[in-house]
Amino acid sequence: MKTKDKIMKNMAAMGSMAFGTVLVLGTLLLINDSENLMDQAKGYESTSIKIEKQKPKAKQEIQKAKPKPKPQRSRPAPPTPLLGLNSSLGGLDLGLPDFSMDGLNGLDGDILGDGSGVIMTDDTVDQSPKAVWQAPMMYPPRARAKGIEGYVVFSLLIGITGEIEQVKIVESYPEGVFDDVAMQGINEWRFEPAQYQGKSVKSWAKQRIRFDLS
């Protein structure tokens, strides 16, 4: 019995030693594994890659040059309407080139008449005749097609009622180009008669009519 008890004690002691050895070895293995894991973690931390979201570059605004305002063309003022002129009259060709009419000038010659001083000139009257009705004139088609410009100068005898009693061409350029058109138009004009000492009088006057394509 004593021998068996001794053997059992020895076996228990050996089992305890073996268990202790296994426990120690297991503990050492766990410590080594934890150290390896820590070293690996440190390695991962030292080799980590940072990915940052790149901010977009601010777009440079290109300022477009503002277009220069177009110069506004000043429209010519409308002509002053003549006294007694009906703007709704037919036959007025507004699409034709303009022709300008110079002011009335006195006749350079001597006073015409029977010597009684009834017929006067622009130089001797107190107030010159004034056109109150001007008939429209057609620009000659051939002259317009060829770009011809010119003028016609008339000598007019204007009566006390404002009607033209006599008319004659004293100068024209180019000669014969605008004569017929100007003569036809001037005969339809009406004037306010000249005034002398508060009375209407007959008078001679010159009238120039220009034909321009501009």
N, C-alpha and C. Protein backbone atom coordinates (compact mmCIF):
# COMPACT_ATOMS: atom_id res chain seq x y z
N MET A 1 0.82 -1.20 0.00
CA MET A 1 0.00 0.00 0.00
C MET A 1 0.85 1.24 0.00
N LYS A 2 1.89 1.23 0.80
CA LYS A 2 2.77 2.38 0.88
C LYS A 2 3.44 2.64 -0.45
N THR A 3 3.80 1.50 -1.11
CA THR A 3 4.47 1.67 -2.41
C THR A 3 3.53 2.28 -3.42
N LYS A 4 2.26 1.83 -3.43
CA LYS A 4 1.27 2.39 -4.37
C LYS A 4 1.01 3.85 -4.08
N ASP A 5 0.92 4.19 -2.81
CA ASP A 5 0.67 5.60 -2.46
C ASP A 5 1.83 6.48 -2.91
N LYS A 6 3.04 5.93 -2.74
CA LYS A 6 4.21 6.70 -3.14
C LYS A 6 4.23 6.92 -4.65
N ILE A 7 3.86 5.79 -5.36
CA ILE A 7 3.83 5.92 -6.83
C ILE A 7 2.79 6.94 -7.26
N MET A 8 1.62 6.90 -6.61
CA MET A 8 0.55 7.83 -6.96
C MET A 8 0.98 9.26 -6.70
N LYS A 9 1.68 9.50 -5.59
CA LYS A 9 2.15 10.85 -5.27
C LYS A 9 3.17 11.33 -6.30
N ASN A 10 4.06 10.38 -6.69
CA ASN A 10 5.06 10.77 -7.69
C ASN A 10 4.41 11.12 -9.03
N MET A 11 3.40 10.31 -9.39
CA MET A 11 2.72 10.58 -10.65
C MET A 11 1.96 11.90 -10.60
N ALA A 12 1.36 12.18 -9.41
CA ALA A 12 0.65 13.46 -9.27
C ALA A 12 1.61 14.62 -9.36
N ALA A 13 2.78 14.42 -8.72
CA ALA A 13 3.78 15.50 -8.76
C ALA A 13 4.27 15.72 -10.18
N MET A 14 4.51 14.59 -10.89
CA MET A 14 4.97 14.72 -12.27
C MET A 14 3.90 15.36 -13.14
N GLY A 15 2.64 14.98 -12.87
CA GLY A 15 1.55 15.60 -13.66
C GLY A 15 1.45 17.08 -13.40
N SER A 16 1.66 17.44 -12.10
CA SER A 16 1.61 18.89 -11.78
C SER A 16 2.73 19.64 -12.47
N MET A 17 3.93 18.98 -12.47
CA MET A 17 5.07 19.63 -13.13
C MET A 17 4.83 19.77 -14.64
N ALA A 18 4.28 18.68 -15.20
CA ALA A 18 4.01 18.75 -16.66
C ALA A 18 2.98 19.83 -16.99
N PHE A 19 1.95 19.88 -16.14
CA PHE A 19 0.92 20.90 -16.37
C PHE A 19 1.49 22.30 -16.24
N GLY A 20 2.36 22.45 -15.20
CA GLY A 20 2.99 23.76 -15.00
C GLY A 20 3.87 24.15 -16.18
N THR A 21 4.60 23.09 -16.67
CA THR A 21 5.47 23.38 -17.83
C THR A 21 4.65 23.81 -19.04
N VAL A 22 3.57 23.05 -19.26
CA VAL A 22 2.69 23.40 -20.40
C VAL A 22 2.12 24.80 -20.23
N LEU A 23 1.73 25.12 -18.99
CA LEU A 23 1.14 26.44 -18.74
C LEU A 23 2.14 27.56 -19.00
N VAL A 24 3.41 27.29 -18.54
CA VAL A 24 4.45 28.31 -18.76
C VAL A 24 4.72 28.50 -20.24
N LEU A 25 4.83 27.33 -20.95
CA LEU A 25 5.08 27.44 -22.40
C LEU A 25 3.94 28.16 -23.11
N GLY A 26 2.72 27.83 -22.69
CA GLY A 26 1.57 28.52 -23.33
C GLY A 26 1.60 30.01 -23.08
N THR A 27 1.98 30.34 -21.84
CA THR A 27 2.05 31.79 -21.52
C THR A 27 3.10 32.49 -22.35
N LEU A 28 4.28 31.82 -22.50
CA LEU A 28 5.34 32.42 -23.32
C LEU A 28 4.91 32.59 -24.77
N LEU A 29 4.20 31.56 -25.26
CA LEU A 29 3.73 31.65 -26.65
C LEU A 29 2.75 32.80 -26.84
N LEU A 30 1.87 32.95 -25.85
CA LEU A 30 0.91 34.06 -25.94
C LEU A 30 1.61 35.42 -25.92
N ILE A 31 2.63 35.50 -25.05
CA ILE A 31 3.38 36.78 -24.97
C ILE A 31 4.07 37.07 -26.29
N ASN A 32 4.70 36.03 -26.88
CA ASN A 32 5.39 36.25 -28.16
C ASN A 32 4.42 36.65 -29.27
N ASP A 33 3.24 35.96 -29.27
CA ASP A 33 2.25 36.30 -30.31
C ASP A 33 1.76 37.73 -30.17
N SER A 34 1.54 38.14 -28.91
CA SER A 34 1.06 39.52 -28.72
C SER A 34 2.11 40.53 -29.14
N GLU A 35 3.41 40.20 -28.85
CA GLU A 35 4.47 41.12 -29.28
C GLU A 35 4.55 41.21 -30.80
N ASN A 36 4.38 40.04 -31.46
CA ASN A 36 4.41 40.05 -32.94
C ASN A 36 3.27 40.88 -33.52
N LEU A 37 2.10 40.70 -32.87
CA LEU A 37 0.95 41.48 -33.36
C LEU A 37 1.17 42.98 -33.18
N MET A 38 1.79 43.35 -32.05
CA MET A 38 2.06 44.77 -31.80
C MET A 38 3.07 45.31 -32.81
N ASP A 39 4.09 44.47 -33.10
CA ASP A 39 5.09 44.92 -34.09
C ASP A 39 4.46 45.11 -35.46
N GLN A 40 3.56 44.16 -35.82
CA GLN A 40 2.89 44.29 -37.12
C GLN A 40 2.01 45.54 -37.16
N ALA A 41 1.33 45.78 -36.02
CA ALA A 41 0.48 46.98 -35.98
C ALA A 41 1.31 48.24 -36.14
N LYS A 42 2.49 48.26 -35.46
CA LYS A 42 3.36 49.42 -35.62
C LYS A 42 3.83 49.57 -37.05
N GLY A 43 4.10 48.43 -37.70
CA GLY A 43 4.53 48.48 -39.10
C GLY A 43 3.45 49.04 -39.99
N TYR A 44 2.19 48.61 -39.70
CA TYR A 44 1.07 49.15 -40.50
C TYR A 44 0.90 50.65 -40.29
N GLU A 45 1.09 51.08 -39.02
CA GLU A 45 0.93 52.51 -38.76
C GLU A 45 2.00 53.31 -39.46
N SER A 46 3.21 52.79 -39.54
CA SER A 46 4.29 53.55 -40.15
C SER A 46 4.18 53.61 -41.66
N THR A 47 3.44 52.66 -42.24
CA THR A 47 3.32 52.64 -43.70
C THR A 47 1.92 53.02 -44.17
N SER A 48 1.12 53.68 -43.34
CA SER A 48 -0.24 54.06 -43.75
C SER A 48 -0.21 55.16 -44.81
N ILE A 49 -1.13 55.12 -45.74
CA ILE A 49 -1.22 56.10 -46.84
C ILE A 49 -2.42 57.00 -46.59
N LYS A 50 -2.20 58.26 -46.57
CA LYS A 50 -3.27 59.22 -46.37
C LYS A 50 -3.83 59.65 -47.72
N ILE A 51 -5.10 59.51 -47.85
CA ILE A 51 -5.78 59.94 -49.08
C ILE A 51 -6.65 61.15 -48.74
N GLU A 52 -6.26 62.29 -49.23
CA GLU A 52 -7.02 63.51 -48.97
C GLU A 52 -7.76 63.94 -50.23
N LYS A 53 -8.96 64.40 -50.03
CA LYS A 53 -9.76 64.88 -51.15
C LYS A 53 -9.22 66.22 -51.61
N GLN A 54 -8.81 66.25 -52.86
CA GLN A 54 -8.22 67.47 -53.40
C GLN A 54 -9.31 68.49 -53.69
N LYS A 55 -9.08 69.69 -53.22
CA LYS A 55 -10.04 70.75 -53.47
C LYS A 55 -9.94 71.20 -54.93
N PRO A 56 -11.08 71.39 -55.58
CA PRO A 56 -11.03 71.86 -56.98
C PRO A 56 -10.47 73.26 -57.07
N LYS A 57 -9.67 73.49 -58.12
CA LYS A 57 -9.09 74.81 -58.33
C LYS A 57 -10.19 75.81 -58.70
N ALA A 58 -10.06 76.96 -58.11
CA ALA A 58 -11.07 78.00 -58.40
C ALA A 58 -10.96 78.41 -59.86
N LYS A 59 -12.10 78.40 -60.52
CA LYS A 59 -12.11 78.79 -61.94
C LYS A 59 -11.90 80.30 -62.06
N GLN A 60 -11.02 80.66 -62.95
CA GLN A 60 -10.78 82.08 -63.20
C GLN A 60 -11.87 82.63 -64.10
N GLU A 61 -12.55 83.60 -63.56
CA GLU A 61 -13.63 84.21 -64.34
C GLU A 61 -13.04 85.15 -65.38
N ILE A 62 -13.40 84.89 -66.60
CA ILE A 62 -12.93 85.73 -67.71
C ILE A 62 -13.98 86.80 -67.97
N GLN A 63 -13.63 88.01 -67.69
CA GLN A 63 -14.56 89.10 -67.92
C GLN A 63 -14.55 89.50 -69.38
N LYS A 64 -15.70 89.33 -69.98
CA LYS A 64 -15.82 89.71 -71.38
C LYS A 64 -15.97 91.22 -71.50
N ALA A 65 -15.24 91.74 -72.43
CA ALA A 65 -15.32 93.18 -72.64
C ALA A 65 -16.71 93.56 -73.12
N LYS A 66 -17.29 94.53 -72.44
CA LYS A 66 -18.63 94.96 -72.83
C LYS A 66 -18.57 95.66 -74.18
N PRO A 67 -19.49 95.30 -75.08
CA PRO A 67 -19.47 95.96 -76.39
C PRO A 67 -19.75 97.44 -76.27
N LYS A 68 -19.01 98.21 -77.03
CA LYS A 68 -19.22 99.66 -77.01
C LYS A 68 -20.58 100.00 -77.61
N PRO A 69 -21.29 100.90 -76.95
CA PRO A 69 -22.60 101.28 -77.51
C PRO A 69 -22.44 101.95 -78.85
N LYS A 70 -23.31 101.56 -79.76
CA LYS A 70 -23.26 102.15 -81.09
C LYS A 70 -23.72 103.61 -81.03
N PRO A 71 -22.96 104.42 -81.70
CA PRO A 71 -23.40 105.83 -81.70
C PRO A 71 -24.74 105.98 -82.38
N GLN A 72 -25.60 106.66 -81.71
CA GLN A 72 -26.92 106.88 -82.27
C GLN A 72 -26.87 108.01 -83.28
N ARG A 73 -27.32 107.66 -84.43
CA ARG A 73 -27.35 108.67 -85.48
C ARG A 73 -28.50 109.62 -85.25
N SER A 74 -28.15 110.87 -85.22
CA SER A 74 -29.20 111.86 -85.00
C SER A 74 -30.02 112.03 -86.27
N ARG A 75 -31.29 111.88 -86.11
CA ARG A 75 -32.16 112.04 -87.26
C ARG A 75 -32.36 113.52 -87.57
N PRO A 76 -32.34 113.86 -88.82
CA PRO A 76 -32.57 115.27 -89.16
C PRO A 76 -33.95 115.70 -88.76
N ALA A 77 -34.03 116.92 -88.27
CA ALA A 77 -35.33 117.45 -87.85
C ALA A 77 -36.25 117.57 -89.06
N PRO A 78 -37.52 117.24 -88.88
CA PRO A 78 -38.45 117.35 -90.01
C PRO A 78 -38.58 118.78 -90.47
N PRO A 79 -38.73 118.99 -91.76
CA PRO A 79 -38.84 120.35 -92.27
C PRO A 79 -40.09 121.04 -91.74
N THR A 80 -39.96 122.34 -91.55
CA THR A 80 -41.10 123.13 -91.07
C THR A 80 -42.18 123.15 -92.13
N PRO A 81 -43.40 122.76 -91.77
CA PRO A 81 -44.47 122.74 -92.78
C PRO A 81 -44.77 124.13 -93.29
N LEU A 82 -45.05 124.21 -94.56
CA LEU A 82 -45.39 125.48 -95.17
C LEU A 82 -46.80 125.88 -94.80
N LEU A 83 -47.04 127.17 -94.74
CA LEU A 83 -48.38 127.66 -94.42
C LEU A 83 -49.35 127.24 -95.50
N GLY A 84 -50.46 126.67 -95.08
CA GLY A 84 -51.48 126.28 -96.04
C GLY A 84 -51.17 124.99 -96.76
N LEU A 85 -50.09 124.29 -96.36
CA LEU A 85 -49.71 123.06 -97.06
C LEU A 85 -50.42 121.88 -96.42
N ASN A 86 -51.16 121.14 -97.20
CA ASN A 86 -51.88 119.97 -96.71
C ASN A 86 -50.98 118.76 -96.85
N SER A 87 -50.58 118.17 -95.70
CA SER A 87 -49.63 117.06 -95.75
C SER A 87 -50.24 115.80 -96.32
N SER A 88 -51.56 115.74 -96.46
CA SER A 88 -52.19 114.53 -96.98
C SER A 88 -52.44 114.60 -98.48
N LEU A 89 -51.90 115.60 -99.14
CA LEU A 89 -52.12 115.72 -100.58
C LEU A 89 -51.47 114.57 -101.31
N GLY A 90 -52.12 114.08 -102.36
CA GLY A 90 -51.58 112.98 -103.14
C GLY A 90 -50.50 113.45 -104.10
N GLY A 91 -49.76 112.47 -104.62
CA GLY A 91 -48.73 112.77 -105.62
C GLY A 91 -47.40 113.14 -105.02
N LEU A 92 -47.27 113.21 -103.69
CA LEU A 92 -46.01 113.56 -103.07
C LEU A 92 -45.15 112.31 -102.96
N ASP A 93 -44.05 112.27 -103.71
CA ASP A 93 -43.18 111.10 -103.73
C ASP A 93 -42.08 111.29 -102.70
N LEU A 94 -42.25 110.71 -101.51
CA LEU A 94 -41.28 110.88 -100.45
C LEU A 94 -40.04 110.02 -100.65
N GLY A 95 -40.08 109.07 -101.58
CA GLY A 95 -38.94 108.19 -101.78
C GLY A 95 -37.90 108.76 -102.71
N LEU A 96 -38.14 109.91 -103.27
CA LEU A 96 -37.21 110.50 -104.22
C LEU A 96 -36.11 111.25 -103.48
N PRO A 97 -34.93 111.39 -104.10
CA PRO A 97 -33.86 112.18 -103.49
C PRO A 97 -34.33 113.60 -103.25
N ASP A 98 -33.78 114.20 -102.17
CA ASP A 98 -34.20 115.55 -101.82
C ASP A 98 -33.62 116.57 -102.78
N PHE A 99 -34.34 117.64 -102.94
CA PHE A 99 -33.79 118.78 -103.64
C PHE A 99 -34.00 119.97 -102.73
N SER A 100 -33.00 120.85 -102.68
CA SER A 100 -33.08 121.98 -101.77
C SER A 100 -33.35 123.25 -102.55
N MET A 101 -34.00 124.19 -101.89
CA MET A 101 -34.37 125.45 -102.52
C MET A 101 -33.77 126.59 -101.73
N ASP A 102 -32.91 127.34 -102.36
CA ASP A 102 -32.30 128.47 -101.68
C ASP A 102 -33.32 129.58 -101.48
N GLY A 103 -32.98 130.50 -100.60
CA GLY A 103 -33.89 131.60 -100.31
C GLY A 103 -34.04 132.54 -101.50
N LEU A 104 -35.06 133.34 -101.43
CA LEU A 104 -35.32 134.29 -102.50
C LEU A 104 -34.27 135.39 -102.48
N ASN A 105 -33.78 135.72 -103.63
CA ASN A 105 -32.80 136.79 -103.77
C ASN A 105 -33.34 137.84 -104.73
N GLY A 106 -32.87 139.03 -104.56
CA GLY A 106 -33.35 140.11 -105.42
C GLY A 106 -32.82 139.99 -106.83
N LEU A 107 -33.56 140.49 -107.76
CA LEU A 107 -33.15 140.50 -109.16
C LEU A 107 -32.10 141.57 -109.34
N ASP A 108 -31.01 141.21 -109.99
CA ASP A 108 -29.88 142.13 -110.13
C ASP A 108 -30.16 143.24 -111.13
N GLY A 109 -31.09 143.03 -112.01
CA GLY A 109 -31.36 144.04 -113.04
C GLY A 109 -32.13 145.23 -112.51
N ASP A 110 -32.44 146.15 -113.38
CA ASP A 110 -33.20 147.32 -113.00
C ASP A 110 -34.64 146.95 -112.74
N ILE A 111 -35.36 147.83 -112.08
CA ILE A 111 -36.78 147.62 -111.83
C ILE A 111 -37.51 147.60 -113.16
N LEU A 112 -38.33 146.53 -113.33
CA LEU A 112 -39.08 146.41 -114.57
C LEU A 112 -40.46 147.01 -114.39
N GLY A 113 -41.05 147.42 -115.48
CA GLY A 113 -42.39 147.97 -115.41
C GLY A 113 -42.51 149.19 -116.30
N ASP A 114 -43.59 149.94 -116.07
CA ASP A 114 -43.83 151.10 -116.93
C ASP A 114 -43.25 152.36 -116.36
N GLY A 115 -42.38 152.24 -115.31
CA GLY A 115 -41.76 153.43 -114.74
C GLY A 115 -42.56 154.02 -113.61
N SER A 116 -43.71 153.47 -113.29
CA SER A 116 -44.54 154.01 -112.22
C SER A 116 -44.12 153.50 -110.86
N GLY A 117 -43.17 152.55 -110.80
CA GLY A 117 -42.69 152.02 -109.53
C GLY A 117 -43.61 150.99 -108.93
N VAL A 118 -44.56 150.45 -109.71
CA VAL A 118 -45.48 149.45 -109.18
C VAL A 118 -44.76 148.13 -108.97
N ILE A 119 -43.90 147.74 -109.91
CA ILE A 119 -43.17 146.47 -109.81
C ILE A 119 -41.82 146.74 -109.15
N MET A 120 -41.56 145.98 -108.08
CA MET A 120 -40.35 146.22 -107.30
C MET A 120 -39.48 144.96 -107.30
N THR A 121 -38.37 145.05 -106.61
CA THR A 121 -37.47 143.90 -106.46
C THR A 121 -37.27 143.60 -104.98
N ASP A 122 -36.57 142.53 -104.73
CA ASP A 122 -36.32 142.13 -103.35
C ASP A 122 -35.48 143.16 -102.61
N ASP A 123 -34.70 143.95 -103.36
CA ASP A 123 -33.86 144.96 -102.73
C ASP A 123 -34.65 146.18 -102.29
N THR A 124 -35.80 146.41 -102.89
CA THR A 124 -36.54 147.63 -102.61
C THR A 124 -37.77 147.43 -101.73
N VAL A 125 -38.21 146.21 -101.53
CA VAL A 125 -39.39 145.96 -100.71
C VAL A 125 -39.00 145.86 -99.24
N ASP A 126 -39.98 146.03 -98.38
CA ASP A 126 -39.74 145.89 -96.94
C ASP A 126 -39.70 144.42 -96.51
N GLN A 127 -40.49 143.60 -97.17
CA GLN A 127 -40.54 142.17 -96.86
C GLN A 127 -40.56 141.37 -98.15
N SER A 128 -39.63 140.43 -98.27
CA SER A 128 -39.52 139.64 -99.51
C SER A 128 -40.66 138.63 -99.60
N PRO A 129 -40.97 138.17 -100.82
CA PRO A 129 -41.99 137.12 -100.98
C PRO A 129 -41.55 135.83 -100.27
N LYS A 130 -42.52 135.09 -99.78
CA LYS A 130 -42.24 133.82 -99.10
C LYS A 130 -43.10 132.72 -99.71
N ALA A 131 -42.48 131.57 -99.99
CA ALA A 131 -43.22 130.44 -100.55
C ALA A 131 -44.10 129.81 -99.47
N VAL A 132 -45.39 129.68 -99.76
CA VAL A 132 -46.33 129.05 -98.82
C VAL A 132 -46.85 127.72 -99.35
N TRP A 133 -46.58 127.42 -100.60
CA TRP A 133 -46.99 126.14 -101.19
C TRP A 133 -45.95 125.74 -102.23
N GLN A 134 -45.33 124.61 -102.03
CA GLN A 134 -44.30 124.11 -102.94
C GLN A 134 -44.74 122.76 -103.49
N ALA A 135 -44.94 122.69 -104.77
CA ALA A 135 -45.35 121.44 -105.40
C ALA A 135 -44.18 120.46 -105.42
N PRO A 136 -44.43 119.17 -105.20
CA PRO A 136 -43.35 118.18 -105.26
C PRO A 136 -42.81 118.04 -106.67
N MET A 137 -41.52 117.79 -106.77
CA MET A 137 -40.87 117.65 -108.08
C MET A 137 -40.23 116.27 -108.19
N MET A 138 -40.43 115.62 -109.33
CA MET A 138 -39.84 114.31 -109.59
C MET A 138 -38.39 114.48 -110.04
N TYR A 139 -37.49 113.70 -109.43
CA TYR A 139 -36.10 113.70 -109.88
C TYR A 139 -36.05 112.97 -111.21
N PRO A 140 -35.49 113.59 -112.26
CA PRO A 140 -35.45 112.93 -113.57
C PRO A 140 -34.79 111.55 -113.48
N PRO A 141 -35.46 110.50 -113.96
CA PRO A 141 -34.92 109.13 -113.83
C PRO A 141 -33.54 108.96 -114.46
N ARG A 142 -33.33 109.55 -115.64
CA ARG A 142 -32.03 109.38 -116.29
C ARG A 142 -30.92 110.05 -115.49
N ALA A 143 -31.22 111.23 -114.97
CA ALA A 143 -30.22 111.95 -114.18
C ALA A 143 -29.89 111.18 -112.90
N ARG A 144 -30.92 110.61 -112.29
CA ARG A 144 -30.68 109.84 -111.07
C ARG A 144 -29.88 108.58 -111.38
N ALA A 145 -30.17 107.90 -112.49
CA ALA A 145 -29.45 106.68 -112.85
C ALA A 145 -27.98 106.96 -113.13
N LYS A 146 -27.70 108.13 -113.68
CA LYS A 146 -26.31 108.49 -114.01
C LYS A 146 -25.62 109.24 -112.87
N GLY A 147 -26.35 109.49 -111.78
CA GLY A 147 -25.75 110.20 -110.65
C GLY A 147 -25.51 111.67 -110.91
N ILE A 148 -26.34 112.27 -111.74
CA ILE A 148 -26.17 113.68 -112.09
C ILE A 148 -26.90 114.56 -111.08
N GLU A 149 -26.23 115.59 -110.60
CA GLU A 149 -26.82 116.59 -109.72
C GLU A 149 -26.72 117.96 -110.39
N GLY A 150 -27.54 118.88 -109.96
CA GLY A 150 -27.49 120.20 -110.58
C GLY A 150 -28.48 121.16 -109.97
N TYR A 151 -28.77 122.25 -110.70
CA TYR A 151 -29.68 123.27 -110.18
C TYR A 151 -30.28 124.06 -111.34
N VAL A 152 -31.35 124.77 -111.01
CA VAL A 152 -32.01 125.67 -111.96
C VAL A 152 -32.33 126.96 -111.22
N VAL A 153 -32.01 128.11 -111.84
CA VAL A 153 -32.29 129.42 -111.24
C VAL A 153 -33.39 130.09 -112.05
N PHE A 154 -34.46 130.52 -111.35
CA PHE A 154 -35.60 131.17 -112.00
C PHE A 154 -35.65 132.64 -111.62
N SER A 155 -36.22 133.42 -112.52
CA SER A 155 -36.62 134.80 -112.22
C SER A 155 -38.14 134.82 -112.23
N LEU A 156 -38.73 135.19 -111.10
CA LEU A 156 -40.17 135.11 -110.93
C LEU A 156 -40.77 136.49 -110.71
N LEU A 157 -41.90 136.74 -111.36
CA LEU A 157 -42.69 137.93 -111.08
C LEU A 157 -43.89 137.49 -110.26
N ILE A 158 -43.91 137.90 -109.01
CA ILE A 158 -44.95 137.46 -108.08
C ILE A 158 -45.93 138.60 -107.87
N GLY A 159 -47.21 138.31 -108.15
CA GLY A 159 -48.25 139.34 -108.05
C GLY A 159 -48.67 139.60 -106.62
N ILE A 160 -49.61 140.55 -106.48
CA ILE A 160 -50.05 140.96 -105.15
C ILE A 160 -50.91 139.88 -104.47
N THR A 161 -51.37 138.89 -105.23
CA THR A 161 -52.13 137.78 -104.65
C THR A 161 -51.25 136.58 -104.33
N GLY A 162 -49.97 136.64 -104.69
CA GLY A 162 -49.05 135.55 -104.41
C GLY A 162 -48.88 134.57 -105.56
N GLU A 163 -49.61 134.79 -106.67
CA GLU A 163 -49.46 133.90 -107.81
C GLU A 163 -48.28 134.34 -108.68
N ILE A 164 -47.69 133.36 -109.36
CA ILE A 164 -46.58 133.66 -110.26
C ILE A 164 -47.16 134.13 -111.59
N GLU A 165 -46.85 135.36 -111.95
CA GLU A 165 -47.37 135.92 -113.20
C GLU A 165 -46.42 135.68 -114.37
N GLN A 166 -45.14 135.68 -114.10
CA GLN A 166 -44.15 135.41 -115.15
C GLN A 166 -43.01 134.59 -114.54
N VAL A 167 -42.43 133.73 -115.37
CA VAL A 167 -41.31 132.92 -114.92
C VAL A 167 -40.38 132.66 -116.09
N LYS A 168 -39.09 132.73 -115.83
CA LYS A 168 -38.11 132.41 -116.87
C LYS A 168 -36.85 131.85 -116.21
N ILE A 169 -36.19 130.98 -116.96
CA ILE A 169 -34.96 130.37 -116.47
C ILE A 169 -33.79 131.29 -116.81
N VAL A 170 -33.02 131.67 -115.81
CA VAL A 170 -31.87 132.54 -116.05
C VAL A 170 -30.55 131.76 -116.00
N GLU A 171 -30.58 130.55 -115.40
CA GLU A 171 -29.36 129.73 -115.33
C GLU A 171 -29.75 128.30 -114.97
N SER A 172 -29.04 127.33 -115.55
CA SER A 172 -29.27 125.94 -115.19
C SER A 172 -27.99 125.14 -115.40
N TYR A 173 -27.79 124.13 -114.55
CA TYR A 173 -26.61 123.28 -114.67
C TYR A 173 -26.96 121.87 -114.18
N PRO A 174 -26.63 120.87 -114.99
CA PRO A 174 -26.25 120.92 -116.41
C PRO A 174 -27.42 121.46 -117.24
N GLU A 175 -27.10 122.14 -118.26
CA GLU A 175 -28.13 122.81 -119.05
C GLU A 175 -29.07 121.79 -119.68
N GLY A 176 -30.37 122.01 -119.47
CA GLY A 176 -31.40 121.19 -120.09
C GLY A 176 -31.73 119.89 -119.36
N VAL A 177 -31.00 119.55 -118.30
CA VAL A 177 -31.24 118.28 -117.60
C VAL A 177 -32.44 118.39 -116.65
N PHE A 178 -32.49 119.47 -115.88
CA PHE A 178 -33.55 119.62 -114.89
C PHE A 178 -34.55 120.73 -115.24
N ASP A 179 -34.39 121.36 -116.40
CA ASP A 179 -35.20 122.53 -116.74
C ASP A 179 -36.70 122.22 -116.76
N ASP A 180 -37.10 121.17 -117.48
CA ASP A 180 -38.52 120.88 -117.65
C ASP A 180 -39.19 120.53 -116.32
N VAL A 181 -38.53 119.68 -115.54
CA VAL A 181 -39.10 119.27 -114.26
C VAL A 181 -39.23 120.47 -113.32
N ALA A 182 -38.19 121.30 -113.28
CA ALA A 182 -38.22 122.46 -112.40
C ALA A 182 -39.26 123.47 -112.85
N MET A 183 -39.39 123.68 -114.15
CA MET A 183 -40.37 124.64 -114.67
C MET A 183 -41.79 124.19 -114.36
N GLN A 184 -42.05 122.91 -114.55
CA GLN A 184 -43.39 122.39 -114.27
C GLN A 184 -43.74 122.52 -112.78
N GLY A 185 -42.76 122.27 -111.93
CA GLY A 185 -43.02 122.36 -110.50
C GLY A 185 -43.16 123.78 -110.00
N ILE A 186 -42.31 124.69 -110.48
CA ILE A 186 -42.32 126.07 -109.97
C ILE A 186 -43.60 126.79 -110.35
N ASN A 187 -44.21 126.43 -111.48
CA ASN A 187 -45.44 127.10 -111.90
C ASN A 187 -46.62 126.80 -110.97
N GLU A 188 -46.51 125.77 -110.18
CA GLU A 188 -47.58 125.42 -109.25
C GLU A 188 -47.35 125.98 -107.84
N TRP A 189 -46.25 126.65 -107.66
CA TRP A 189 -45.97 127.23 -106.34
C TRP A 189 -46.88 128.43 -106.08
N ARG A 190 -47.07 128.70 -104.78
CA ARG A 190 -47.80 129.89 -104.37
C ARG A 190 -46.97 130.62 -103.31
N PHE A 191 -47.05 131.95 -103.37
CA PHE A 191 -46.22 132.78 -102.50
C PHE A 191 -47.06 133.74 -101.67
N GLU A 192 -46.48 134.16 -100.58
CA GLU A 192 -47.00 135.33 -99.86
C GLU A 192 -46.35 136.54 -100.51
N PRO A 193 -47.13 137.50 -101.02
CA PRO A 193 -46.55 138.59 -101.80
C PRO A 193 -45.61 139.47 -100.97
N ALA A 194 -44.78 140.20 -101.68
CA ALA A 194 -43.87 141.13 -101.02
C ALA A 194 -44.67 142.28 -100.39
N GLN A 195 -44.09 142.87 -99.36
CA GLN A 195 -44.74 143.97 -98.66
C GLN A 195 -43.88 145.23 -98.75
N TYR A 196 -44.57 146.33 -99.00
CA TYR A 196 -43.89 147.63 -99.03
C TYR A 196 -44.80 148.66 -98.38
N GLN A 197 -44.30 149.24 -97.29
CA GLN A 197 -45.08 150.22 -96.52
C GLN A 197 -46.45 149.67 -96.13
N GLY A 198 -46.45 148.39 -95.73
CA GLY A 198 -47.67 147.77 -95.24
C GLY A 198 -48.63 147.29 -96.31
N LYS A 199 -48.23 147.34 -97.57
CA LYS A 199 -49.11 146.92 -98.66
C LYS A 199 -48.45 145.82 -99.48
N SER A 200 -49.29 144.95 -100.07
CA SER A 200 -48.78 143.91 -100.97
C SER A 200 -48.44 144.53 -102.31
N VAL A 201 -47.28 144.17 -102.83
CA VAL A 201 -46.83 144.74 -104.10
C VAL A 201 -46.29 143.63 -104.99
N LYS A 202 -46.29 143.91 -106.30
CA LYS A 202 -45.64 143.01 -107.24
C LYS A 202 -44.13 143.16 -107.09
N SER A 203 -43.45 142.05 -107.28
CA SER A 203 -41.99 142.14 -107.19
C SER A 203 -41.35 141.01 -107.98
N TRP A 204 -40.17 141.32 -108.46
CA TRP A 204 -39.34 140.31 -109.10
C TRP A 204 -38.42 139.69 -108.05
N ALA A 205 -38.21 138.41 -108.19
CA ALA A 205 -37.31 137.71 -107.26
C ALA A 205 -36.68 136.52 -107.97
N LYS A 206 -35.55 136.10 -107.44
CA LYS A 206 -34.87 134.92 -107.98
C LYS A 206 -35.10 133.73 -107.05
N GLN A 207 -35.23 132.56 -107.66
CA GLN A 207 -35.41 131.32 -106.90
C GLN A 207 -34.50 130.25 -107.49
N ARG A 208 -33.63 129.69 -106.66
CA ARG A 208 -32.75 128.60 -107.09
C ARG A 208 -33.28 127.28 -106.54
N ILE A 209 -33.38 126.29 -107.41
CA ILE A 209 -33.81 124.95 -107.01
C ILE A 209 -32.67 123.98 -107.29
N ARG A 210 -32.21 123.29 -106.25
CA ARG A 210 -31.10 122.34 -106.39
C ARG A 210 -31.63 120.92 -106.42
N PHE A 211 -31.00 120.09 -107.22
CA PHE A 211 -31.33 118.67 -107.31
C PHE A 211 -30.10 117.88 -106.84
N ASP A 212 -30.23 117.27 -105.67
CA ASP A 212 -29.12 116.53 -105.06
C ASP A 212 -29.53 115.08 -104.81
N LEU A 213 -28.58 114.17 -104.95
CA LEU A 213 -28.82 112.75 -104.69
C LEU A 213 -28.46 112.36 -103.27
N SER A 214 -27.79 113.22 -102.53
CA SER A 214 -27.36 112.90 -101.18
C SER A 214 -28.52 112.98 -100.21
